[in-house]
């Protein structure tokens, strides 16, 4: 399968290993645990009024969703070094933009995946309107994108540096 930069998620080796370990846990021991919880709750009788059974089934659904998310993420992951520090915006970079060219109104974020960044950094998907508009732009270039309300917004690329997690 050929991957374009839009569907690649850049991961460090440690980030990849962490997500792979989580997937292995969820598909192994965690799946067994939830199956046991469901069986125990089922043995308690009437399933219509069995809160333990319904809670376990809900937990199972959330876990299966997370398994699908991790599987897809790891399938499209590119492990290794982030993009080169060329000043050109690409997935895997921390980008600083100025809204409407106002250098006092800036925002920095990772163009990539939430799975990669810590909680202290906002993340924008390369497929988002802002992500699509800035991807491939150079520092000091402007990019215009459409807001959810249909209006246009313009940002100036102030900085683009590889993310170091």
N, C-alpha and C. Protein backbone atom coordinates (compact mmCIF):
# COMPACT_ATOMS: atom_id res chain seq x y z
N UNK A 1 0.85 -1.19 0.00
CA UNK A 1 0.00 0.00 0.00
C UNK A 1 0.89 1.24 0.00
N UNK A 2 0.62 2.15 -0.88
CA UNK A 2 1.36 3.40 -0.93
C UNK A 2 0.76 4.38 0.05
N UNK A 3 1.62 5.06 0.80
CA UNK A 3 1.13 6.01 1.78
C UNK A 3 1.46 7.42 1.32
N UNK A 4 0.49 8.30 1.42
CA UNK A 4 0.74 9.70 1.15
C UNK A 4 0.98 10.39 2.47
N UNK A 5 1.52 11.59 2.42
CA UNK A 5 1.83 12.28 3.68
C UNK A 5 0.56 12.60 4.46
N UNK A 6 -0.61 12.60 3.79
CA UNK A 6 -1.85 12.92 4.50
C UNK A 6 -2.28 11.81 5.45
N UNK A 7 -1.96 10.54 5.11
CA UNK A 7 -2.45 9.48 5.98
C UNK A 7 -1.35 8.80 6.78
N UNK A 8 -0.17 9.38 6.80
CA UNK A 8 0.93 8.86 7.60
C UNK A 8 0.91 9.52 8.97
N UNK A 9 1.13 8.71 10.01
CA UNK A 9 1.31 9.24 11.35
C UNK A 9 2.76 8.99 11.73
N UNK A 10 3.49 10.06 12.00
CA UNK A 10 4.89 9.94 12.39
C UNK A 10 4.98 9.55 13.84
N UNK A 11 5.74 8.50 14.13
CA UNK A 11 5.94 8.04 15.50
C UNK A 11 7.42 7.79 15.75
N UNK A 12 7.86 8.13 16.94
CA UNK A 12 9.19 7.72 17.35
C UNK A 12 9.12 6.23 17.64
N UNK A 13 10.26 5.59 17.72
CA UNK A 13 10.26 4.16 18.02
C UNK A 13 9.61 3.91 19.38
N UNK A 14 9.90 4.75 20.37
CA UNK A 14 9.31 4.56 21.71
C UNK A 14 7.80 4.78 21.67
N UNK A 15 7.33 5.76 20.89
CA UNK A 15 5.90 5.99 20.76
C UNK A 15 5.20 4.81 20.10
N UNK A 16 5.82 4.28 19.06
CA UNK A 16 5.27 3.12 18.36
C UNK A 16 5.21 1.93 19.31
N UNK A 17 6.31 1.69 20.05
CA UNK A 17 6.36 0.56 20.98
C UNK A 17 5.29 0.69 22.06
N UNK A 18 5.08 1.90 22.56
CA UNK A 18 4.07 2.14 23.60
C UNK A 18 2.66 1.79 23.08
N UNK A 19 2.35 2.25 21.87
CA UNK A 19 1.03 1.97 21.29
C UNK A 19 0.88 0.49 20.96
N UNK A 20 1.95 -0.14 20.49
CA UNK A 20 1.91 -1.56 20.17
C UNK A 20 1.69 -2.38 21.45
N UNK A 21 2.36 -1.98 22.55
CA UNK A 21 2.16 -2.66 23.83
C UNK A 21 0.71 -2.52 24.30
N UNK A 22 0.15 -1.32 24.14
CA UNK A 22 -1.25 -1.12 24.53
C UNK A 22 -2.17 -2.02 23.72
N UNK A 23 -1.92 -2.11 22.41
CA UNK A 23 -2.74 -2.96 21.54
C UNK A 23 -2.61 -4.43 21.96
N UNK A 24 -1.41 -4.88 22.25
CA UNK A 24 -1.21 -6.27 22.67
C UNK A 24 -1.94 -6.55 23.99
N UNK A 25 -1.91 -5.60 24.92
CA UNK A 25 -2.63 -5.78 26.18
C UNK A 25 -4.14 -5.86 25.94
N UNK A 26 -4.65 -4.94 25.11
CA UNK A 26 -6.09 -4.91 24.87
C UNK A 26 -6.58 -6.16 24.14
N UNK A 27 -5.79 -6.68 23.20
CA UNK A 27 -6.22 -7.85 22.45
C UNK A 27 -5.94 -9.16 23.19
N UNK A 28 -5.17 -9.09 24.27
CA UNK A 28 -4.84 -10.29 25.05
C UNK A 28 -5.53 -10.28 26.39
N UNK A 29 -4.79 -9.90 27.46
CA UNK A 29 -5.33 -9.97 28.83
C UNK A 29 -6.62 -9.17 29.03
N UNK A 30 -6.70 -7.98 28.47
CA UNK A 30 -7.90 -7.15 28.69
C UNK A 30 -9.13 -7.78 28.06
N UNK A 31 -8.98 -8.38 26.88
CA UNK A 31 -10.11 -9.05 26.24
C UNK A 31 -10.58 -10.23 27.08
N UNK A 32 -9.63 -10.97 27.63
CA UNK A 32 -10.00 -12.11 28.48
C UNK A 32 -10.74 -11.65 29.73
N UNK A 33 -10.26 -10.56 30.34
CA UNK A 33 -10.90 -10.03 31.54
C UNK A 33 -12.34 -9.60 31.28
N UNK A 34 -12.55 -8.90 30.17
CA UNK A 34 -13.91 -8.40 29.89
C UNK A 34 -14.84 -9.56 29.54
N UNK A 35 -14.30 -10.58 28.87
CA UNK A 35 -15.11 -11.76 28.56
C UNK A 35 -15.54 -12.46 29.85
N UNK A 36 -14.64 -12.55 30.82
CA UNK A 36 -14.97 -13.15 32.12
C UNK A 36 -16.03 -12.33 32.85
N UNK A 37 -15.89 -10.99 32.82
CA UNK A 37 -16.89 -10.13 33.47
C UNK A 37 -18.28 -10.35 32.87
N UNK A 38 -18.33 -10.44 31.55
CA UNK A 38 -19.62 -10.64 30.86
C UNK A 38 -20.21 -12.00 31.25
N UNK A 39 -19.37 -13.03 31.27
CA UNK A 39 -19.86 -14.37 31.65
C UNK A 39 -20.37 -14.40 33.09
N UNK A 40 -19.64 -13.75 34.00
CA UNK A 40 -20.08 -13.72 35.39
C UNK A 40 -21.40 -12.98 35.53
N UNK A 41 -21.54 -11.86 34.83
CA UNK A 41 -22.78 -11.09 34.90
C UNK A 41 -23.93 -11.87 34.26
N UNK A 42 -23.64 -12.62 33.20
CA UNK A 42 -24.67 -13.40 32.51
C UNK A 42 -25.22 -14.49 33.44
N UNK A 43 -24.34 -15.03 34.28
CA UNK A 43 -24.74 -16.09 35.21
C UNK A 43 -25.65 -15.57 36.32
N UNK A 44 -25.69 -14.25 36.50
CA UNK A 44 -26.53 -13.66 37.55
C UNK A 44 -28.01 -13.67 37.22
N UNK A 45 -28.34 -14.01 36.00
CA UNK A 45 -29.76 -14.11 35.67
C UNK A 45 -30.22 -13.14 34.61
N UNK A 46 -31.44 -12.64 34.76
CA UNK A 46 -32.13 -11.79 33.79
C UNK A 46 -31.22 -10.68 33.26
N UNK A 47 -30.94 -10.73 31.96
CA UNK A 47 -30.04 -9.76 31.36
C UNK A 47 -30.67 -8.37 31.19
N UNK A 48 -32.00 -8.31 31.14
CA UNK A 48 -32.67 -7.02 30.94
C UNK A 48 -32.41 -6.06 32.10
N UNK A 49 -32.34 -6.59 33.30
CA UNK A 49 -32.17 -5.74 34.48
C UNK A 49 -30.83 -5.97 35.16
N UNK A 50 -29.85 -6.43 34.41
CA UNK A 50 -28.54 -6.76 34.96
C UNK A 50 -27.56 -5.64 34.62
N UNK A 51 -27.40 -4.70 35.55
CA UNK A 51 -26.54 -3.54 35.31
C UNK A 51 -25.08 -3.94 35.09
N UNK A 52 -24.62 -4.95 35.80
CA UNK A 52 -23.24 -5.40 35.65
C UNK A 52 -22.97 -5.92 34.25
N UNK A 53 -23.94 -6.64 33.70
CA UNK A 53 -23.83 -7.16 32.33
C UNK A 53 -23.76 -6.02 31.33
N UNK A 54 -24.66 -5.05 31.46
CA UNK A 54 -24.69 -3.93 30.51
C UNK A 54 -23.43 -3.08 30.62
N UNK A 55 -22.93 -2.89 31.84
CA UNK A 55 -21.70 -2.11 32.01
C UNK A 55 -20.52 -2.84 31.37
N UNK A 56 -20.45 -4.14 31.54
CA UNK A 56 -19.36 -4.92 30.95
C UNK A 56 -19.44 -4.90 29.44
N UNK A 57 -20.64 -4.99 28.87
CA UNK A 57 -20.80 -4.93 27.41
C UNK A 57 -20.40 -3.55 26.87
N UNK A 58 -20.74 -2.50 27.61
CA UNK A 58 -20.35 -1.15 27.19
C UNK A 58 -18.82 -1.01 27.23
N UNK A 59 -18.23 -1.52 28.29
CA UNK A 59 -16.76 -1.48 28.41
C UNK A 59 -16.12 -2.26 27.26
N UNK A 60 -16.72 -3.39 26.90
CA UNK A 60 -16.21 -4.19 25.79
C UNK A 60 -16.28 -3.41 24.47
N UNK A 61 -17.37 -2.71 24.27
CA UNK A 61 -17.53 -1.91 23.05
C UNK A 61 -16.48 -0.82 22.95
N UNK A 62 -16.22 -0.14 24.06
CA UNK A 62 -15.20 0.91 24.08
C UNK A 62 -13.82 0.33 23.82
N UNK A 63 -13.55 -0.82 24.40
CA UNK A 63 -12.26 -1.46 24.22
C UNK A 63 -12.07 -1.88 22.76
N UNK A 64 -13.10 -2.44 22.15
CA UNK A 64 -12.99 -2.87 20.75
C UNK A 64 -12.79 -1.66 19.83
N UNK A 65 -13.42 -0.54 20.15
CA UNK A 65 -13.20 0.68 19.37
C UNK A 65 -11.74 1.13 19.47
N UNK A 66 -11.20 1.11 20.67
CA UNK A 66 -9.80 1.49 20.88
C UNK A 66 -8.87 0.54 20.13
N UNK A 67 -9.20 -0.74 20.11
CA UNK A 67 -8.39 -1.71 19.37
C UNK A 67 -8.39 -1.36 17.88
N UNK A 68 -9.55 -1.03 17.33
CA UNK A 68 -9.63 -0.65 15.91
C UNK A 68 -8.82 0.62 15.64
N UNK A 69 -8.93 1.62 16.54
CA UNK A 69 -8.18 2.86 16.37
C UNK A 69 -6.68 2.60 16.37
N UNK A 70 -6.21 1.83 17.35
CA UNK A 70 -4.78 1.53 17.44
C UNK A 70 -4.30 0.74 16.23
N UNK A 71 -5.09 -0.23 15.79
CA UNK A 71 -4.71 -1.04 14.64
C UNK A 71 -4.54 -0.16 13.40
N UNK A 72 -5.51 0.72 13.15
CA UNK A 72 -5.42 1.61 11.99
C UNK A 72 -4.23 2.57 12.13
N UNK A 73 -4.03 3.11 13.31
CA UNK A 73 -2.93 4.03 13.53
C UNK A 73 -1.58 3.36 13.28
N UNK A 74 -1.41 2.17 13.83
CA UNK A 74 -0.13 1.47 13.68
C UNK A 74 0.09 1.00 12.23
N UNK A 75 -0.99 0.69 11.52
CA UNK A 75 -0.86 0.28 10.12
C UNK A 75 -0.33 1.42 9.25
N UNK A 76 -0.68 2.66 9.57
CA UNK A 76 -0.25 3.78 8.73
C UNK A 76 0.89 4.58 9.37
N UNK A 77 1.44 4.04 10.44
CA UNK A 77 2.52 4.76 11.13
C UNK A 77 3.83 4.66 10.35
N UNK A 78 4.58 5.71 10.42
CA UNK A 78 5.94 5.73 9.88
C UNK A 78 6.84 5.96 11.08
N UNK A 79 7.66 4.96 11.36
CA UNK A 79 8.54 5.02 12.52
C UNK A 79 9.88 5.57 12.09
N UNK A 80 10.39 6.45 12.90
CA UNK A 80 11.71 6.99 12.61
C UNK A 80 11.74 8.46 12.90
N UNK A 81 12.60 9.12 12.17
CA UNK A 81 12.79 10.54 12.39
C UNK A 81 11.62 11.33 11.82
N UNK A 82 11.29 12.40 12.47
CA UNK A 82 10.27 13.32 11.97
C UNK A 82 10.80 14.01 10.72
N UNK A 83 9.96 14.72 10.02
CA UNK A 83 10.41 15.42 8.82
C UNK A 83 11.59 16.35 9.13
N UNK A 84 12.35 16.62 8.10
CA UNK A 84 13.53 17.48 8.26
C UNK A 84 13.12 18.89 8.68
N UNK A 85 14.03 19.56 9.37
CA UNK A 85 13.79 20.93 9.82
C UNK A 85 14.05 21.88 8.65
N UNK A 86 13.11 21.89 7.70
CA UNK A 86 13.29 22.67 6.47
C UNK A 86 12.45 23.94 6.46
N UNK A 87 11.63 24.14 7.50
CA UNK A 87 10.75 25.30 7.52
C UNK A 87 9.51 25.11 6.68
N UNK A 88 9.32 23.90 6.14
CA UNK A 88 8.12 23.59 5.35
C UNK A 88 7.19 22.75 6.23
N UNK A 89 5.94 23.15 6.30
CA UNK A 89 4.96 22.47 7.14
C UNK A 89 4.66 21.08 6.58
N UNK A 90 4.70 20.08 7.47
CA UNK A 90 4.39 18.70 7.11
C UNK A 90 3.89 17.99 8.37
N UNK A 91 3.16 16.88 8.20
CA UNK A 91 2.75 16.11 9.37
C UNK A 91 3.98 15.74 10.20
N UNK A 92 3.82 15.82 11.53
CA UNK A 92 4.92 15.52 12.43
C UNK A 92 5.67 16.77 12.86
N UNK A 93 5.16 17.94 12.49
CA UNK A 93 5.84 19.19 12.84
C UNK A 93 4.99 20.01 13.80
N UNK A 94 5.67 20.74 14.68
CA UNK A 94 5.01 21.71 15.54
C UNK A 94 4.99 23.01 14.75
N UNK A 95 3.79 23.50 14.52
CA UNK A 95 3.61 24.68 13.68
C UNK A 95 3.11 25.84 14.54
N UNK A 96 3.67 27.01 14.32
CA UNK A 96 3.17 28.22 14.97
C UNK A 96 2.59 29.10 13.86
N UNK A 97 1.34 29.51 14.07
CA UNK A 97 0.67 30.37 13.09
C UNK A 97 0.22 31.65 13.78
N UNK A 98 0.16 32.70 12.98
CA UNK A 98 -0.38 33.99 13.45
C UNK A 98 -1.69 34.21 12.71
N UNK A 99 -2.74 34.50 13.47
CA UNK A 99 -4.05 34.71 12.86
C UNK A 99 -4.12 36.10 12.23
N UNK A 100 -4.58 36.13 11.00
CA UNK A 100 -4.71 37.37 10.24
C UNK A 100 -3.42 38.18 10.27
N UNK A 101 -2.29 37.49 10.31
CA UNK A 101 -0.99 38.16 10.26
C UNK A 101 -0.59 38.89 11.53
N UNK A 102 -1.40 38.78 12.60
CA UNK A 102 -1.13 39.48 13.86
C UNK A 102 -0.18 38.65 14.72
N UNK A 103 1.08 39.07 14.80
CA UNK A 103 2.08 38.29 15.54
C UNK A 103 1.83 38.26 17.04
N UNK A 104 0.87 39.05 17.53
CA UNK A 104 0.49 38.99 18.94
C UNK A 104 -0.60 37.94 19.17
N UNK A 105 -1.17 37.41 18.10
CA UNK A 105 -2.24 36.41 18.18
C UNK A 105 -1.75 35.13 17.50
N UNK A 106 -0.89 34.38 18.22
CA UNK A 106 -0.33 33.17 17.63
C UNK A 106 -0.80 31.93 18.39
N UNK A 107 -0.63 30.80 17.74
CA UNK A 107 -0.97 29.51 18.32
C UNK A 107 0.02 28.49 17.78
N UNK A 108 0.49 27.61 18.67
CA UNK A 108 1.37 26.52 18.26
C UNK A 108 0.64 25.20 18.47
N UNK A 109 0.85 24.26 17.55
CA UNK A 109 0.19 22.97 17.63
C UNK A 109 0.97 21.95 16.81
N UNK A 110 0.69 20.69 17.06
CA UNK A 110 1.28 19.61 16.29
C UNK A 110 0.37 19.30 15.13
N UNK A 111 0.93 19.23 13.95
CA UNK A 111 0.18 18.77 12.79
C UNK A 111 0.40 17.26 12.73
N UNK A 112 -0.58 16.51 13.18
CA UNK A 112 -0.39 15.06 13.26
C UNK A 112 -1.50 14.37 13.99
N UNK A 113 -1.13 13.53 14.94
CA UNK A 113 -2.09 12.68 15.64
C UNK A 113 -2.02 12.88 17.14
N UNK A 114 -3.16 12.87 17.79
CA UNK A 114 -3.26 13.00 19.24
C UNK A 114 -2.47 11.89 19.94
N UNK A 115 -2.37 10.73 19.30
CA UNK A 115 -1.65 9.61 19.90
C UNK A 115 -0.18 9.93 20.12
N UNK A 116 0.34 10.84 19.34
CA UNK A 116 1.77 11.15 19.37
C UNK A 116 2.09 12.18 20.44
N UNK A 117 1.23 13.18 20.58
CA UNK A 117 1.53 14.33 21.44
C UNK A 117 1.07 14.10 22.87
N UNK A 118 1.70 14.81 23.77
CA UNK A 118 1.26 14.81 25.15
C UNK A 118 0.06 15.74 25.31
N UNK A 119 -0.43 15.83 26.53
CA UNK A 119 -1.61 16.66 26.79
C UNK A 119 -1.32 18.16 26.71
N UNK A 120 -0.06 18.54 26.73
CA UNK A 120 0.30 19.95 26.76
C UNK A 120 0.34 20.60 25.38
N UNK A 121 0.08 19.84 24.34
CA UNK A 121 0.19 20.36 22.98
C UNK A 121 -1.10 20.08 22.21
N UNK A 122 -1.70 21.14 21.65
CA UNK A 122 -2.87 20.94 20.80
C UNK A 122 -2.46 20.20 19.54
N UNK A 123 -3.38 19.45 18.97
CA UNK A 123 -3.10 18.67 17.77
C UNK A 123 -4.16 18.97 16.72
N UNK A 124 -3.71 19.21 15.50
CA UNK A 124 -4.60 19.37 14.36
C UNK A 124 -4.28 18.30 13.35
N UNK A 125 -5.30 17.67 12.82
CA UNK A 125 -5.12 16.63 11.82
C UNK A 125 -4.70 17.25 10.49
N UNK A 126 -3.84 16.57 9.75
CA UNK A 126 -3.51 17.06 8.41
C UNK A 126 -4.73 17.10 7.49
N UNK A 127 -5.79 16.35 7.84
CA UNK A 127 -7.01 16.34 7.03
C UNK A 127 -7.98 17.45 7.42
N UNK A 128 -7.73 18.15 8.54
CA UNK A 128 -8.61 19.24 8.96
C UNK A 128 -8.48 20.40 7.97
N UNK A 129 -9.45 21.30 7.94
CA UNK A 129 -9.33 22.45 7.02
C UNK A 129 -8.04 23.24 7.24
N UNK A 130 -7.68 23.50 8.50
CA UNK A 130 -6.43 24.22 8.78
C UNK A 130 -5.24 23.39 8.34
N UNK A 131 -5.25 22.10 8.68
CA UNK A 131 -4.14 21.21 8.31
C UNK A 131 -3.92 21.15 6.81
N UNK A 132 -5.00 21.03 6.06
CA UNK A 132 -4.89 20.99 4.59
C UNK A 132 -4.35 22.30 4.05
N UNK A 133 -4.77 23.41 4.64
CA UNK A 133 -4.35 24.73 4.13
C UNK A 133 -2.87 24.99 4.38
N UNK A 134 -2.33 24.54 5.51
CA UNK A 134 -0.93 24.87 5.83
C UNK A 134 0.06 23.81 5.37
N UNK A 135 -0.40 22.59 5.11
CA UNK A 135 0.50 21.51 4.72
C UNK A 135 1.26 21.89 3.44
N UNK A 136 2.59 21.87 3.51
CA UNK A 136 3.42 22.22 2.35
C UNK A 136 3.80 23.69 2.28
N UNK A 137 3.22 24.52 3.14
CA UNK A 137 3.55 25.95 3.15
C UNK A 137 4.88 26.17 3.87
N UNK A 138 5.55 27.25 3.51
CA UNK A 138 6.82 27.61 4.12
C UNK A 138 6.61 28.71 5.15
N UNK A 139 7.60 28.86 6.05
CA UNK A 139 7.57 29.94 7.03
C UNK A 139 7.43 31.26 6.28
N UNK A 140 6.61 32.15 6.82
CA UNK A 140 6.27 33.47 6.28
C UNK A 140 5.23 33.43 5.17
N UNK A 141 4.75 32.26 4.78
CA UNK A 141 3.67 32.19 3.79
C UNK A 141 2.32 32.25 4.49
N UNK A 142 1.31 32.70 3.76
CA UNK A 142 -0.06 32.76 4.27
C UNK A 142 -0.84 31.55 3.76
N UNK A 143 -1.84 31.14 4.54
CA UNK A 143 -2.73 30.07 4.14
C UNK A 143 -4.14 30.46 4.55
N UNK A 144 -5.09 30.23 3.68
CA UNK A 144 -6.49 30.54 3.95
C UNK A 144 -7.28 29.24 4.00
N UNK A 145 -8.18 29.15 4.97
CA UNK A 145 -9.02 27.96 5.12
C UNK A 145 -10.41 28.39 5.53
N UNK A 146 -11.36 27.45 5.39
CA UNK A 146 -12.75 27.74 5.71
C UNK A 146 -13.08 27.28 7.13
N UNK A 147 -13.70 28.18 7.88
CA UNK A 147 -14.15 27.89 9.25
C UNK A 147 -15.46 27.11 9.20
N UNK A 148 -15.84 26.47 10.30
CA UNK A 148 -17.11 25.71 10.32
C UNK A 148 -18.33 26.56 9.97
N UNK A 149 -18.27 27.87 10.25
CA UNK A 149 -19.42 28.74 9.95
C UNK A 149 -19.42 29.21 8.49
N UNK A 150 -18.45 28.72 7.70
CA UNK A 150 -18.41 29.07 6.28
C UNK A 150 -17.54 30.27 5.96
N UNK A 151 -17.11 31.02 6.97
CA UNK A 151 -16.24 32.18 6.75
C UNK A 151 -14.82 31.70 6.51
N UNK A 152 -14.02 32.56 5.91
CA UNK A 152 -12.62 32.25 5.63
C UNK A 152 -11.73 32.88 6.71
N UNK A 153 -10.63 32.21 7.01
CA UNK A 153 -9.64 32.72 7.95
C UNK A 153 -8.27 32.54 7.32
N UNK A 154 -7.40 33.48 7.59
CA UNK A 154 -6.05 33.42 7.05
C UNK A 154 -5.05 33.38 8.19
N UNK A 155 -4.06 32.52 8.05
CA UNK A 155 -2.98 32.43 9.03
C UNK A 155 -1.65 32.61 8.31
N UNK A 156 -0.68 33.15 9.03
CA UNK A 156 0.69 33.26 8.52
C UNK A 156 1.51 32.20 9.25
N UNK A 157 2.31 31.44 8.53
CA UNK A 157 3.18 30.45 9.14
C UNK A 157 4.35 31.19 9.78
N UNK A 158 4.46 31.11 11.11
CA UNK A 158 5.53 31.78 11.84
C UNK A 158 6.72 30.85 12.04
N UNK A 159 6.43 29.57 12.32
CA UNK A 159 7.49 28.59 12.53
C UNK A 159 6.97 27.20 12.23
N UNK A 160 7.87 26.31 11.83
CA UNK A 160 7.55 24.90 11.59
C UNK A 160 8.79 24.09 11.95
N UNK A 161 8.68 23.38 13.07
CA UNK A 161 9.82 22.60 13.59
C UNK A 161 9.38 21.16 13.80
N UNK A 162 10.27 20.20 13.56
CA UNK A 162 9.90 18.80 13.83
C UNK A 162 9.53 18.60 15.29
N UNK A 163 8.51 17.78 15.53
CA UNK A 163 8.09 17.47 16.89
C UNK A 163 9.10 16.50 17.50
N UNK A 164 9.53 16.80 18.68
CA UNK A 164 10.43 15.91 19.41
C UNK A 164 9.69 15.49 20.66
N UNK A 165 9.20 14.26 20.67
CA UNK A 165 8.40 13.79 21.78
C UNK A 165 9.26 13.23 22.81
